[in-house]
Every structure is written in C-alpha cells, then in structure tokens.
PDB file of N, CA and C in Angstrom:
ATOM      1  N   UNK A   1     -26.292  -1.945  -9.274  1.00  0.00           N
ATOM      2  CA  UNK A   1     -26.737  -0.952  -8.320  1.00  0.00           C
ATOM      3  C   UNK A   1     -26.146  -1.299  -6.963  1.00  0.00           C
ATOM      4  N   UNK A   2     -25.467  -0.376  -6.282  1.00  0.00           N
ATOM      5  CA  UNK A   2     -24.860  -0.666  -5.002  1.00  0.00           C
ATOM      6  C   UNK A   2     -25.914  -0.880  -3.931  1.00  0.00           C
ATOM      7  N   UNK A   3     -25.565  -1.683  -2.952  1.00  0.00           N
ATOM      8  CA  UNK A   3     -26.449  -1.978  -1.845  1.00  0.00           C
ATOM      9  C   UNK A   3     -26.617  -0.745  -0.969  1.00  0.00           C
ATOM     10  N   UNK A   4     -27.809  -0.601  -0.357  1.00  0.00           N
ATOM     11  CA  UNK A   4     -28.029   0.550   0.517  1.00  0.00           C
ATOM     12  C   UNK A   4     -27.336   0.356   1.860  1.00  0.00           C
ATOM     13  N   UNK A   5     -27.024  -0.895   2.223  1.00  0.00           N
ATOM     14  CA  UNK A   5     -26.328  -1.177   3.478  1.00  0.00           C
ATOM     15  C   UNK A   5     -24.851  -1.371   3.181  1.00  0.00           C
ATOM     16  N   UNK A   6     -24.072  -0.304   3.350  1.00  0.00           N
ATOM     17  CA  UNK A   6     -22.655  -0.374   3.003  1.00  0.00           C
ATOM     18  C   UNK A   6     -21.845  -1.167   4.011  1.00  0.00           C
ATOM     19  N   UNK A   7     -22.412  -1.476   5.196  1.00  0.00           N
ATOM     20  CA  UNK A   7     -21.659  -2.242   6.188  1.00  0.00           C
ATOM     21  C   UNK A   7     -21.521  -3.706   5.797  1.00  0.00           C
ATOM     22  N   UNK A   8     -22.326  -4.176   4.846  1.00  0.00           N
ATOM     23  CA  UNK A   8     -22.223  -5.571   4.417  1.00  0.00           C
ATOM     24  C   UNK A   8     -21.271  -5.749   3.233  1.00  0.00           C
ATOM     25  N   UNK A   9     -20.758  -4.652   2.693  1.00  0.00           N
ATOM     26  CA  UNK A   9     -19.852  -4.732   1.557  1.00  0.00           C
ATOM     27  C   UNK A   9     -18.451  -5.112   2.023  1.00  0.00           C
ATOM     28  N   UNK A  10     -17.726  -5.913   1.232  1.00  0.00           N
ATOM     29  CA  UNK A  10     -16.343  -6.228   1.618  1.00  0.00           C
ATOM     30  C   UNK A  10     -15.447  -5.006   1.467  1.00  0.00           C
ATOM     31  N   UNK A  11     -14.383  -5.002   2.205  1.00  0.00           N
ATOM     32  CA  UNK A  11     -13.419  -3.914   2.112  1.00  0.00           C
ATOM     33  C   UNK A  11     -12.201  -4.386   1.328  1.00  0.00           C
ATOM     34  N   UNK A  12     -11.339  -3.457   1.005  1.00  0.00           N
ATOM     35  CA  UNK A  12     -10.106  -3.777   0.287  1.00  0.00           C
ATOM     36  C   UNK A  12      -9.043  -4.144   1.309  1.00  0.00           C
ATOM     37  N   UNK A  13      -8.473  -5.339   1.192  1.00  0.00           N
ATOM     38  CA  UNK A  13      -7.470  -5.800   2.149  1.00  0.00           C
ATOM     39  C   UNK A  13      -6.072  -5.867   1.535  1.00  0.00           C
ATOM     40  N   UNK A  14      -5.921  -5.471   0.281  1.00  0.00           N
ATOM     41  CA  UNK A  14      -4.620  -5.513  -0.367  1.00  0.00           C
ATOM     42  C   UNK A  14      -3.719  -4.418   0.204  1.00  0.00           C
ATOM     43  N   UNK A  15      -2.439  -4.750   0.395  1.00  0.00           N
ATOM     44  CA  UNK A  15      -1.506  -3.778   0.954  1.00  0.00           C
ATOM     45  C   UNK A  15      -0.553  -3.222  -0.105  1.00  0.00           C
ATOM     46  N   UNK A  16      -0.895  -3.389  -1.371  1.00  0.00           N
ATOM     47  CA  UNK A  16      -0.021  -2.910  -2.447  1.00  0.00           C
ATOM     48  C   UNK A  16       0.161  -1.396  -2.387  1.00  0.00           C
ATOM     49  N   UNK A  17      -0.872  -0.667  -1.995  1.00  0.00           N
ATOM     50  CA  UNK A  17      -0.760   0.778  -1.894  1.00  0.00           C
ATOM     51  C   UNK A  17       0.281   1.209  -0.872  1.00  0.00           C
ATOM     52  N   UNK A  18       0.386   0.461   0.209  1.00  0.00           N
ATOM     53  CA  UNK A  18       1.399   0.772   1.226  1.00  0.00           C
ATOM     54  C   UNK A  18       2.798   0.531   0.688  1.00  0.00           C
ATOM     55  N   UNK A  19       2.966  -0.546  -0.057  1.00  0.00           N
ATOM     56  CA  UNK A  19       4.281  -0.816  -0.647  1.00  0.00           C
ATOM     57  C   UNK A  19       4.674   0.282  -1.634  1.00  0.00           C
ATOM     58  N   UNK A  20       3.730   0.710  -2.444  1.00  0.00           N
ATOM     59  CA  UNK A  20       4.024   1.781  -3.410  1.00  0.00           C
ATOM     60  C   UNK A  20       4.392   3.065  -2.675  1.00  0.00           C
ATOM     61  N   UNK A  21       3.658   3.386  -1.623  1.00  0.00           N
ATOM     62  CA  UNK A  21       3.950   4.608  -0.862  1.00  0.00           C
ATOM     63  C   UNK A  21       5.319   4.542  -0.201  1.00  0.00           C
ATOM     64  N   UNK A  22       5.694   3.370   0.294  1.00  0.00           N
ATOM     65  CA  UNK A  22       6.978   3.221   0.980  1.00  0.00           C
ATOM     66  C   UNK A  22       8.143   3.213  -0.010  1.00  0.00           C
ATOM     67  N   UNK A  23       7.981   2.523  -1.132  1.00  0.00           N
ATOM     68  CA  UNK A  23       9.099   2.326  -2.045  1.00  0.00           C
ATOM     69  C   UNK A  23       9.230   3.385  -3.138  1.00  0.00           C
ATOM     70  N   UNK A  24       8.261   4.287  -3.289  1.00  0.00           N
ATOM     71  CA  UNK A  24       8.382   5.341  -4.304  1.00  0.00           C
ATOM     72  C   UNK A  24       9.622   6.201  -4.088  1.00  0.00           C
ATOM     73  N   UNK A  25       9.919   6.655  -2.863  1.00  0.00           N
ATOM     74  CA  UNK A  25      11.158   7.427  -2.692  1.00  0.00           C
ATOM     75  C   UNK A  25      12.417   6.619  -3.005  1.00  0.00           C
ATOM     76  N   UNK A  26      12.388   5.327  -2.705  1.00  0.00           N
ATOM     77  CA  UNK A  26      13.545   4.473  -3.013  1.00  0.00           C
ATOM     78  C   UNK A  26      13.748   4.401  -4.526  1.00  0.00           C
ATOM     79  N   UNK A  27      12.649   4.214  -5.259  1.00  0.00           N
ATOM     80  CA  UNK A  27      12.740   4.147  -6.707  1.00  0.00           C
ATOM     81  C   UNK A  27      13.135   5.496  -7.305  1.00  0.00           C
ATOM     82  N   UNK A  28      12.719   6.587  -6.670  1.00  0.00           N
ATOM     83  CA  UNK A  28      13.101   7.914  -7.172  1.00  0.00           C
ATOM     84  C   UNK A  28      14.607   8.112  -7.044  1.00  0.00           C
ATOM     85  N   UNK A  29      15.172   7.722  -5.910  1.00  0.00           N
ATOM     86  CA  UNK A  29      16.629   7.838  -5.731  1.00  0.00           C
ATOM     87  C   UNK A  29      17.351   6.921  -6.719  1.00  0.00           C
ATOM     88  N   UNK A  30      16.839   5.694  -6.882  1.00  0.00           N
ATOM     89  CA  UNK A  30      17.462   4.757  -7.825  1.00  0.00           C
ATOM     90  C   UNK A  30      17.382   5.285  -9.259  1.00  0.00           C
ATOM     91  N   UNK A  31      16.251   5.906  -9.625  1.00  0.00           N
ATOM     92  CA  UNK A  31      16.120   6.461 -10.974  1.00  0.00           C
ATOM     93  C   UNK A  31      17.105   7.606 -11.192  1.00  0.00           C
ATOM     94  N   UNK A  32      17.279   8.440 -10.186  1.00  0.00           N
ATOM     95  CA  UNK A  32      18.247   9.536 -10.296  1.00  0.00           C
ATOM     96  C   UNK A  32      19.664   9.021 -10.423  1.00  0.00           C
ATOM     97  N   UNK A  33      19.999   8.027  -9.614  1.00  0.00           N
ATOM     98  CA  UNK A  33      21.348   7.443  -9.678  1.00  0.00           C
ATOM     99  C   UNK A  33      21.593   6.802 -11.042  1.00  0.00           C
ATOM    100  N   UNK A  34      20.605   6.049 -11.527  1.00  0.00           N
ATOM    101  CA  UNK A  34      20.752   5.372 -12.814  1.00  0.00           C
ATOM    102  C   UNK A  34      20.851   6.395 -13.951  1.00  0.00           C
ATOM    103  N   UNK A  35      20.088   7.474 -13.855  1.00  0.00           N
ATOM    104  CA  UNK A  35      20.165   8.523 -14.893  1.00  0.00           C
ATOM    105  C   UNK A  35      21.545   9.170 -14.903  1.00  0.00           C
ATOM    106  N   UNK A  36      22.116   9.389 -13.730  1.00  0.00           N
ATOM    107  CA  UNK A  36      23.471   9.944 -13.661  1.00  0.00           C
ATOM    108  C   UNK A  36      24.495   9.002 -14.242  1.00  0.00           C
ATOM    109  N   UNK A  37      24.321   7.720 -13.980  1.00  0.00           N
ATOM    110  CA  UNK A  37      25.221   6.707 -14.521  1.00  0.00           C
ATOM    111  C   UNK A  37      25.137   6.665 -16.044  1.00  0.00           C
ATOM    112  N   UNK A  38      23.911   6.699 -16.554  1.00  0.00           N
ATOM    113  CA  UNK A  38      23.716   6.679 -18.014  1.00  0.00           C
ATOM    114  C   UNK A  38      24.285   7.948 -18.641  1.00  0.00           C
ATOM    115  N   UNK A  39      24.058   9.096 -18.003  1.00  0.00           N
ATOM    116  CA  UNK A  39      24.543  10.367 -18.577  1.00  0.00           C
ATOM    117  C   UNK A  39      26.058  10.398 -18.671  1.00  0.00           C
ATOM    118  N   UNK A  40      26.734   9.748 -17.740  1.00  0.00           N
ATOM    119  CA  UNK A  40      28.190   9.729 -17.777  1.00  0.00           C
ATOM    120  C   UNK A  40      28.733   8.649 -18.709  1.00  0.00           C
ATOM    121  N   UNK A  41      27.965   7.582 -18.918  1.00  0.00           N
ATOM    122  CA  UNK A  41      28.461   6.441 -19.686  1.00  0.00           C
ATOM    123  C   UNK A  41      28.155   6.519 -21.177  1.00  0.00           C
ATOM    124  N   UNK A  42      27.249   7.387 -21.585  1.00  0.00           N
ATOM    125  CA  UNK A  42      26.878   7.463 -23.003  1.00  0.00           C
ATOM    126  C   UNK A  42      28.038   8.077 -23.775  1.00  0.00           C
ATOM    127  N   UNK A  43      28.549   7.353 -24.773  1.00  0.00           N
ATOM    128  CA  UNK A  43      29.665   7.906 -25.554  1.00  0.00           C
ATOM    129  C   UNK A  43      29.172   9.055 -26.437  1.00  0.00           C
ATOM    130  N   UNK A  44      29.979  10.082 -26.500  1.00  0.00           N
ATOM    131  CA  UNK A  44      29.652  11.233 -27.338  1.00  0.00           C
ATOM    132  C   UNK A  44      28.808  12.282 -26.644  1.00  0.00           C
ATOM    133  N   UNK A  45      28.269  11.969 -25.481  1.00  0.00           N
ATOM    134  CA  UNK A  45      27.484  12.957 -24.734  1.00  0.00           C
ATOM    135  C   UNK A  45      28.425  13.683 -23.784  1.00  0.00           C
ATOM    136  N   UNK A  46      28.637  14.921 -24.068  1.00  0.00           N
ATOM    137  CA  UNK A  46      29.530  15.714 -23.230  1.00  0.00           C
ATOM    138  C   UNK A  46      28.668  16.625 -22.359  1.00  0.00           C
ATOM    139  N   UNK A  47      28.314  16.125 -21.175  1.00  0.00           N
ATOM    140  CA  UNK A  47      27.459  16.866 -20.260  1.00  0.00           C
ATOM    141  C   UNK A  47      28.296  17.400 -19.099  1.00  0.00           C
ATOM    142  N   UNK A  48      28.049  18.641 -18.767  1.00  0.00           N
ATOM    143  CA  UNK A  48      28.744  19.168 -17.595  1.00  0.00           C
ATOM    144  C   UNK A  48      27.963  18.747 -16.330  1.00  0.00           C
ATOM    145  N   UNK A  49      28.480  19.101 -15.182  1.00  0.00           N
ATOM    146  CA  UNK A  49      27.899  18.663 -13.916  1.00  0.00           C
ATOM    147  C   UNK A  49      26.454  19.140 -13.756  1.00  0.00           C
ATOM    148  N   UNK A  50      26.156  20.367 -14.152  1.00  0.00           N
ATOM    149  CA  UNK A  50      24.800  20.900 -14.025  1.00  0.00           C
ATOM    150  C   UNK A  50      23.805  20.143 -14.901  1.00  0.00           C
ATOM    151  N   UNK A  51      24.212  19.766 -16.098  1.00  0.00           N
ATOM    152  CA  UNK A  51      23.323  19.023 -16.977  1.00  0.00           C
ATOM    153  C   UNK A  51      23.057  17.613 -16.442  1.00  0.00           C
ATOM    154  N   UNK A  52      24.069  16.996 -15.856  1.00  0.00           N
ATOM    155  CA  UNK A  52      23.887  15.665 -15.262  1.00  0.00           C
ATOM    156  C   UNK A  52      22.923  15.746 -14.080  1.00  0.00           C
ATOM    157  N   UNK A  53      23.083  16.763 -13.249  1.00  0.00           N
ATOM    158  CA  UNK A  53      22.176  16.938 -12.106  1.00  0.00           C
ATOM    159  C   UNK A  53      20.752  17.196 -12.588  1.00  0.00           C
ATOM    160  N   UNK A  54      20.595  17.974 -13.631  1.00  0.00           N
ATOM    161  CA  UNK A  54      19.257  18.234 -14.175  1.00  0.00           C
ATOM    162  C   UNK A  54      18.630  16.946 -14.715  1.00  0.00           C
ATOM    163  N   UNK A  55      19.422  16.122 -15.372  1.00  0.00           N
ATOM    164  CA  UNK A  55      18.942  14.842 -15.891  1.00  0.00           C
ATOM    165  C   UNK A  55      18.542  13.907 -14.741  1.00  0.00           C
ATOM    166  N   UNK A  56      19.350  13.875 -13.694  1.00  0.00           N
ATOM    167  CA  UNK A  56      19.039  13.049 -12.525  1.00  0.00           C
ATOM    168  C   UNK A  56      17.765  13.539 -11.835  1.00  0.00           C
ATOM    169  N   UNK A  57      17.613  14.848 -11.733  1.00  0.00           N
ATOM    170  CA  UNK A  57      16.415  15.418 -11.113  1.00  0.00           C
ATOM    171  C   UNK A  57      15.174  15.084 -11.926  1.00  0.00           C
ATOM    172  N   UNK A  58      15.266  15.177 -13.231  1.00  0.00           N
ATOM    173  CA  UNK A  58      14.118  14.851 -14.086  1.00  0.00           C
ATOM    174  C   UNK A  58      13.714  13.388 -13.923  1.00  0.00           C
ATOM    175  N   UNK A  59      14.684  12.495 -13.826  1.00  0.00           N
ATOM    176  CA  UNK A  59      14.372  11.076 -13.647  1.00  0.00           C
ATOM    177  C   UNK A  59      13.724  10.831 -12.284  1.00  0.00           C
ATOM    178  N   UNK A  60      14.235  11.480 -11.250  1.00  0.00           N
ATOM    179  CA  UNK A  60      13.667  11.315  -9.910  1.00  0.00           C
ATOM    180  C   UNK A  60      12.242  11.850  -9.843  1.00  0.00           C
ATOM    181  N   UNK A  61      12.022  13.025 -10.418  1.00  0.00           N
ATOM    182  CA  UNK A  61      10.678  13.613 -10.416  1.00  0.00           C
ATOM    183  C   UNK A  61       9.716  12.746 -11.215  1.00  0.00           C
ATOM    184  N   UNK A  62      10.178  12.145 -12.288  1.00  0.00           N
ATOM    185  CA  UNK A  62       9.322  11.245 -13.078  1.00  0.00           C
ATOM    186  C   UNK A  62       8.911  10.029 -12.257  1.00  0.00           C
ATOM    187  N   UNK A  63       9.834   9.472 -11.492  1.00  0.00           N
ATOM    188  CA  UNK A  63       9.505   8.320 -10.653  1.00  0.00           C
ATOM    189  C   UNK A  63       8.517   8.699  -9.554  1.00  0.00           C
ATOM    190  N   UNK A  64       8.717   9.848  -8.933  1.00  0.00           N
ATOM    191  CA  UNK A  64       7.788  10.298  -7.889  1.00  0.00           C
ATOM    192  C   UNK A  64       6.409  10.568  -8.474  1.00  0.00           C
ATOM    193  N   UNK A  65       6.359  11.176  -9.647  1.00  0.00           N
ATOM    194  CA  UNK A  65       5.090  11.466 -10.301  1.00  0.00           C
ATOM    195  C   UNK A  65       4.340  10.183 -10.646  1.00  0.00           C
ATOM    196  N   UNK A  66       5.050   9.188 -11.125  1.00  0.00           N
ATOM    197  CA  UNK A  66       4.404   7.915 -11.454  1.00  0.00           C
ATOM    198  C   UNK A  66       3.832   7.259 -10.195  1.00  0.00           C
ATOM    199  N   UNK A  67       4.573   7.273  -9.108  1.00  0.00           N
ATOM    200  CA  UNK A  67       4.070   6.704  -7.859  1.00  0.00           C
ATOM    201  C   UNK A  67       2.877   7.472  -7.328  1.00  0.00           C
ATOM    202  N   UNK A  68       2.935   8.805  -7.404  1.00  0.00           N
ATOM    203  CA  UNK A  68       1.837   9.639  -6.940  1.00  0.00           C
ATOM    204  C   UNK A  68       0.581   9.386  -7.760  1.00  0.00           C
ATOM    205  N   UNK A  69       0.727   9.295  -9.070  1.00  0.00           N
ATOM    206  CA  UNK A  69      -0.414   9.051  -9.948  1.00  0.00           C
ATOM    207  C   UNK A  69      -1.018   7.671  -9.682  1.00  0.00           C
ATOM    208  N   UNK A  70      -0.177   6.674  -9.449  1.00  0.00           N
ATOM    209  CA  UNK A  70      -0.675   5.337  -9.145  1.00  0.00           C
ATOM    210  C   UNK A  70      -1.452   5.353  -7.831  1.00  0.00           C
ATOM    211  N   UNK A  71      -0.923   6.048  -6.828  1.00  0.00           N
ATOM    212  CA  UNK A  71      -1.606   6.109  -5.540  1.00  0.00           C
ATOM    213  C   UNK A  71      -2.948   6.835  -5.642  1.00  0.00           C
ATOM    214  N   UNK A  72      -3.055   7.846  -6.498  1.00  0.00           N
ATOM    215  CA  UNK A  72      -4.341   8.513  -6.716  1.00  0.00           C
ATOM    216  C   UNK A  72      -5.363   7.531  -7.294  1.00  0.00           C
ATOM    217  N   UNK A  73      -4.941   6.740  -8.261  1.00  0.00           N
ATOM    218  CA  UNK A  73      -5.830   5.744  -8.846  1.00  0.00           C
ATOM    219  C   UNK A  73      -6.223   4.679  -7.834  1.00  0.00           C
ATOM    220  N   UNK A  74      -5.282   4.291  -6.977  1.00  0.00           N
ATOM    221  CA  UNK A  74      -5.577   3.278  -5.963  1.00  0.00           C
ATOM    222  C   UNK A  74      -6.592   3.823  -4.952  1.00  0.00           C
ATOM    223  N   UNK A  75      -6.457   5.087  -4.564  1.00  0.00           N
ATOM    224  CA  UNK A  75      -7.438   5.683  -3.651  1.00  0.00           C
ATOM    225  C   UNK A  75      -8.808   5.745  -4.299  1.00  0.00           C
ATOM    226  N   UNK A  76      -8.852   6.030  -5.576  1.00  0.00           N
ATOM    227  CA  UNK A  76     -10.134   6.047  -6.276  1.00  0.00           C
ATOM    228  C   UNK A  76     -10.728   4.639  -6.300  1.00  0.00           C
ATOM    229  N   UNK A  77      -9.894   3.628  -6.516  1.00  0.00           N
ATOM    230  CA  UNK A  77     -10.367   2.249  -6.496  1.00  0.00           C
ATOM    231  C   UNK A  77     -10.926   1.897  -5.118  1.00  0.00           C
ATOM    232  N   UNK A  78     -10.215   2.278  -4.042  1.00  0.00           N
ATOM    233  CA  UNK A  78     -10.704   1.982  -2.693  1.00  0.00           C
ATOM    234  C   UNK A  78     -12.026   2.683  -2.416  1.00  0.00           C
ATOM    235  N   UNK A  79     -12.198   3.895  -2.920  1.00  0.00           N
ATOM    236  CA  UNK A  79     -13.467   4.604  -2.748  1.00  0.00           C
ATOM    237  C   UNK A  79     -14.593   3.880  -3.481  1.00  0.00           C
ATOM    238  N   UNK A  80     -14.311   3.401  -4.679  1.00  0.00           N
ATOM    239  CA  UNK A  80     -15.326   2.660  -5.432  1.00  0.00           C
ATOM    240  C   UNK A  80     -15.671   1.336  -4.748  1.00  0.00           C
ATOM    241  N   UNK A  81     -14.688   0.683  -4.149  1.00  0.00           N
ATOM    242  CA  UNK A  81     -14.953  -0.552  -3.397  1.00  0.00           C
ATOM    243  C   UNK A  81     -15.834  -0.236  -2.196  1.00  0.00           C
ATOM    244  N   UNK A  82     -15.548   0.856  -1.499  1.00  0.00           N
ATOM    245  CA  UNK A  82     -16.333   1.244  -0.327  1.00  0.00           C
ATOM    246  C   UNK A  82     -17.778   1.576  -0.716  1.00  0.00           C
ATOM    247  N   UNK A  83     -17.973   2.091  -1.917  1.00  0.00           N
ATOM    248  CA  UNK A  83     -19.321   2.404  -2.388  1.00  0.00           C
ATOM    249  C   UNK A  83     -20.026   1.174  -2.950  1.00  0.00           C
ATOM    250  N   UNK A  84     -19.293   0.093  -3.150  1.00  0.00           N
ATOM    251  CA  UNK A  84     -19.880  -1.124  -3.699  1.00  0.00           C
ATOM    252  C   UNK A  84     -19.944  -1.142  -5.204  1.00  0.00           C
ATOM    253  N   UNK A  85     -19.249  -0.229  -5.863  1.00  0.00           N
ATOM    254  CA  UNK A  85     -19.278  -0.134  -7.320  1.00  0.00           C
ATOM    255  C   UNK A  85     -18.238  -1.053  -7.956  1.00  0.00           C
ATOM    256  N   UNK A  86     -17.086  -1.233  -7.295  1.00  0.00           N
ATOM    257  CA  UNK A  86     -16.003  -2.048  -7.842  1.00  0.00           C
ATOM    258  C   UNK A  86     -15.723  -3.228  -6.915  1.00  0.00           C
ATOM    259  N   UNK A  87     -15.178  -4.277  -7.491  1.00  0.00           N
ATOM    260  CA  UNK A  87     -14.806  -5.447  -6.708  1.00  0.00           C
ATOM    261  C   UNK A  87     -13.410  -5.241  -6.124  1.00  0.00           C
ATOM    262  N   UNK A  88     -13.195  -5.641  -4.871  1.00  0.00           N
ATOM    263  CA  UNK A  88     -11.858  -5.484  -4.285  1.00  0.00           C
ATOM    264  C   UNK A  88     -10.858  -6.441  -4.914  1.00  0.00           C
ATOM    265  N   UNK A  89      -9.601  -6.020  -4.971  1.00  0.00           N
ATOM    266  CA  UNK A  89      -8.539  -6.876  -5.489  1.00  0.00           C
ATOM    267  C   UNK A  89      -8.329  -8.048  -4.536  1.00  0.00           C
ATOM    268  N   UNK A  90      -8.296  -7.746  -3.244  1.00  0.00           N
ATOM    269  CA  UNK A  90      -8.173  -8.765  -2.206  1.00  0.00           C
ATOM    270  C   UNK A  90      -9.260  -8.470  -1.175  1.00  0.00           C
ATOM    271  N   UNK A  91     -10.390  -9.184  -1.238  1.00  0.00           N
ATOM    272  CA  UNK A  91     -11.493  -8.874  -0.334  1.00  0.00           C
ATOM    273  C   UNK A  91     -11.106  -9.064   1.132  1.00  0.00           C
ATOM    274  N   UNK A  92     -11.522  -8.114   1.939  1.00  0.00           N
ATOM    275  CA  UNK A  92     -11.328  -8.198   3.383  1.00  0.00           C
ATOM    276  C   UNK A  92     -12.670  -8.416   4.053  1.00  0.00           C
ATOM    277  N   UNK A  93     -12.670  -8.303   5.362  1.00  0.00           N
ATOM    278  CA  UNK A  93     -13.915  -8.448   6.108  1.00  0.00           C
ATOM    279  C   UNK A  93     -14.813  -7.254   5.837  1.00  0.00           C
ATOM    280  N   UNK A  94     -16.119  -7.477   5.915  1.00  0.00           N
ATOM    281  CA  UNK A  94     -17.031  -6.356   5.795  1.00  0.00           C
ATOM    282  C   UNK A  94     -16.972  -5.540   7.074  1.00  0.00           C
ATOM    283  N   UNK A  95     -17.468  -4.330   7.025  1.00  0.00           N
ATOM    284  CA  UNK A  95     -17.437  -3.452   8.190  1.00  0.00           C
ATOM    285  C   UNK A  95     -18.241  -4.065   9.322  1.00  0.00           C
ATOM    286  N   UNK A  96     -19.385  -4.662   9.018  1.00  0.00           N
ATOM    287  CA  UNK A  96     -20.228  -5.268  10.050  1.00  0.00           C
ATOM    288  C   UNK A  96     -19.517  -6.454  10.705  1.00  0.00           C
ATOM    289  N   UNK A  97     -18.841  -7.290   9.908  1.00  0.00           N
ATOM    290  CA  UNK A  97     -18.125  -8.444  10.452  1.00  0.00           C
ATOM    291  C   UNK A  97     -16.949  -8.007  11.313  1.00  0.00           C
ATOM    292  N   UNK A  98     -16.220  -7.004  10.871  1.00  0.00           N
ATOM    293  CA  UNK A  98     -15.082  -6.510  11.639  1.00  0.00           C
ATOM    294  C   UNK A  98     -15.541  -5.879  12.945  1.00  0.00           C
ATOM    295  N   UNK A  99     -16.656  -5.144  12.931  1.00  0.00           N
ATOM    296  CA  UNK A  99     -17.172  -4.526  14.152  1.00  0.00           C
ATOM    297  C   UNK A  99     -17.654  -5.580  15.128  1.00  0.00           C
ATOM    298  N   UNK A 100     -18.295  -6.637  14.619  1.00  0.00           N
ATOM    299  CA  UNK A 100     -18.764  -7.707  15.495  1.00  0.00           C
ATOM    300  C   UNK A 100     -17.590  -8.451  16.119  1.00  0.00           C
ATOM    301  N   UNK A 101     -16.529  -8.666  15.360  1.00  0.00           N
ATOM    302  CA  UNK A 101     -15.353  -9.362  15.885  1.00  0.00           C
ATOM    303  C   UNK A 101     -14.637  -8.506  16.927  1.00  0.00           C
ATOM    304  N   UNK A 102     -14.634  -7.197  16.743  1.00  0.00           N
ATOM    305  CA  UNK A 102     -13.973  -6.309  17.698  1.00  0.00           C
ATOM    306  C   UNK A 102     -14.773  -6.191  18.990  1.00  0.00           C
ATOM    307  N   UNK A 103     -16.103  -6.280  18.889  1.00  0.00           N
ATOM    308  CA  UNK A 103     -16.952  -6.142  20.066  1.00  0.00           C
ATOM    309  C   UNK A 103     -17.067  -7.435  20.864  1.00  0.00           C
ATOM    310  N   UNK A 104     -16.772  -8.567  20.248  1.00  0.00           N
ATOM    311  CA  UNK A 104     -16.900  -9.861  20.930  1.00  0.00           C
ATOM    312  C   UNK A 104     -15.821  -9.998  21.995  1.00  0.00           C
ATOM    313  N   UNK A 105     -16.193 -10.541  23.172  1.00  0.00           N
ATOM    314  CA  UNK A 105     -15.174 -10.742  24.216  1.00  0.00           C
ATOM    315  C   UNK A 105     -14.208 -11.840  23.790  1.00  0.00           C
ATOM    316  N   UNK A 106     -12.987 -11.803  24.288  1.00  0.00           N
ATOM    317  CA  UNK A 106     -12.038 -12.852  23.922  1.00  0.00           C
ATOM    318  C   UNK A 106     -12.525 -14.204  24.432  1.00  0.00           C
ATOM    319  N   UNK A 107     -12.267 -15.222  23.670  1.00  0.00           N
ATOM    320  CA  UNK A 107     -12.716 -16.569  24.019  1.00  0.00           C
ATOM    321  C   UNK A 107     -11.928 -17.085  25.211  1.00  0.00           C
ATOM    322  N   UNK A 108     -12.664 -17.685  26.157  1.00  0.00           N
ATOM    323  CA  UNK A 108     -12.027 -18.280  27.333  1.00  0.00           C
ATOM    324  C   UNK A 108     -11.459 -19.632  26.937  1.00  0.00           C
ATOM    325  N   UNK A 109     -10.384 -20.076  27.598  1.00  0.00           N
ATOM    326  CA  UNK A 109      -9.853 -21.394  27.263  1.00  0.00           C
ATOM    327  C   UNK A 109     -10.885 -22.466  27.579  1.00  0.00           C
ATOM    328  N   UNK A 110     -10.952 -23.454  26.724  1.00  0.00           N
ATOM    329  CA  UNK A 110     -11.949 -24.507  26.917  1.00  0.00           C
ATOM    330  C   UNK A 110     -11.503 -25.459  28.022  1.00  0.00           C
ATOM    331  N   UNK A 111     -12.487 -26.194  28.555  1.00  0.00           N
ATOM    332  CA  UNK A 111     -12.203 -27.133  29.637  1.00  0.00           C
ATOM    333  C   UNK A 111     -11.360 -28.303  29.155  1.00  0.00           C
ATOM    334  N   UNK A 112     -11.404 -28.577  27.845  1.00  0.00           N
ATOM    335  CA  UNK A 112     -10.630 -29.696  27.310  1.00  0.00           C
ATOM    336  C   UNK A 112      -9.153 -29.382  27.263  1.00  0.00           C
ATOM    337  N   UNK A 113      -8.810 -28.109  27.280  1.00  0.00           N
ATOM    338  CA  UNK A 113      -7.407 -27.721  27.230  1.00  0.00           C
ATOM    339  C   UNK A 113      -6.867 -27.638  28.653  1.00  0.00           C
ATOM    340  N   UNK A 114      -5.926 -28.499  29.006  1.00  0.00           N
ATOM    341  CA  UNK A 114      -5.403 -28.444  30.384  1.00  0.00           C
ATOM    342  C   UNK A 114      -4.529 -27.210  30.581  1.00  0.00           C
ATOM    343  N   UNK A 115      -4.606 -26.669  31.760  1.00  0.00           N
ATOM    344  CA  UNK A 115      -3.763 -25.522  32.096  1.00  0.00           C
ATOM    345  C   UNK A 115      -2.364 -26.026  32.370  1.00  0.00           C
ATOM    346  N   UNK A 116      -1.381 -25.292  31.949  1.00  0.00           N
ATOM    347  CA  UNK A 116       0.009 -25.688  32.158  1.00  0.00           C
ATOM    348  C   UNK A 116       0.479 -25.114  33.470  1.00  0.00           C
ATOM    349  N   UNK A 117       0.878 -25.994  34.337  1.00  0.00           N
ATOM    350  CA  UNK A 117       1.345 -25.551  35.656  1.00  0.00           C
ATOM    351  C   UNK A 117       2.822 -25.235  35.564  1.00  0.00           C
ATOM    352  N   UNK A 118       3.272 -24.237  36.352  1.00  0.00           N
ATOM    353  CA  UNK A 118       4.700 -23.943  36.341  1.00  0.00           C
ATOM    354  C   UNK A 118       5.491 -25.098  36.923  1.00  0.00           C
ATOM    355  N   UNK A 119       6.671 -25.297  36.413  1.00  0.00           N
ATOM    356  CA  UNK A 119       7.503 -26.398  36.875  1.00  0.00           C
ATOM    357  C   UNK A 119       8.021 -26.098  38.264  1.00  0.00           C
ATOM    358  N   UNK A 120       7.989 -27.123  39.105  1.00  0.00           N
ATOM    359  CA  UNK A 120       8.499 -26.985  40.463  1.00  0.00           C
ATOM    360  C   UNK A 120      10.015 -27.104  40.424  1.00  0.00           C
ATOM    361  N   UNK A 121      10.671 -26.274  41.210  1.00  0.00           N
ATOM    362  CA  UNK A 121      12.126 -26.358  41.207  1.00  0.00           C
ATOM    363  C   UNK A 121      12.654 -26.874  42.513  1.00  0.00           C
TER     364      UNK A 121
END
C-alpha cells in the first residue's frame, strides 16, 4: 500500500530515459543506412532505388517506434515510482529532502578554513 505522504518517497534519478530520447534519432538514421547497405549487398536481390528507399524508411520507422515505445514504458515506470507503487531503478532524493536542501541557505566558510589573500605584486 503506498504511503499517504508522497513527499517522503524517493524519486527516480536514472538518466537512461534522456539517453534514449537523445539517441533514438541517431539509431533511426543508422538503421536506415544499414538497411540500404544490406539491400544493395544481398546477392540476387534486384531492388530499384524506390524499393531501397522504402526498405530504409521501414527500418528507420521501426527504430523510432521502438524508442517511442520504450519511452512510454519509462514514463509509466516514473509515474509508478512517484505514486510509491514501484521501486526506482536509481533512487534519488525524496521531494521533501530536495525541497529542504533548496531552501537551506548556503553554508558559510568555517573559521578553521583560512581565507586566501590575493598575492601582492
């Protein structure tokens, strides 16, 4: 049963979703290029230019679809973590801890740490 105080729950700190979002277009272009290479290199396959482009497009769309589907699942996972139903892959600070750290004034230098004076020239 999830806790009624959601501010004490840990958040998801993993950045894998950002990597997937950034690199999905790169993988889509690479999949299209590789599909074109395969279509031209397969012996006995006599494909004209339009068929090669269609094959490259299908490979690119497949890569984009896979990345999109993965990102949908990752968003669902993050929602479940926020509700306290699922455990985070990489636990981050709770909302209450992060808010307290943001509201705290910056620490003043301690008296034990000597101040560095500028060098005289």
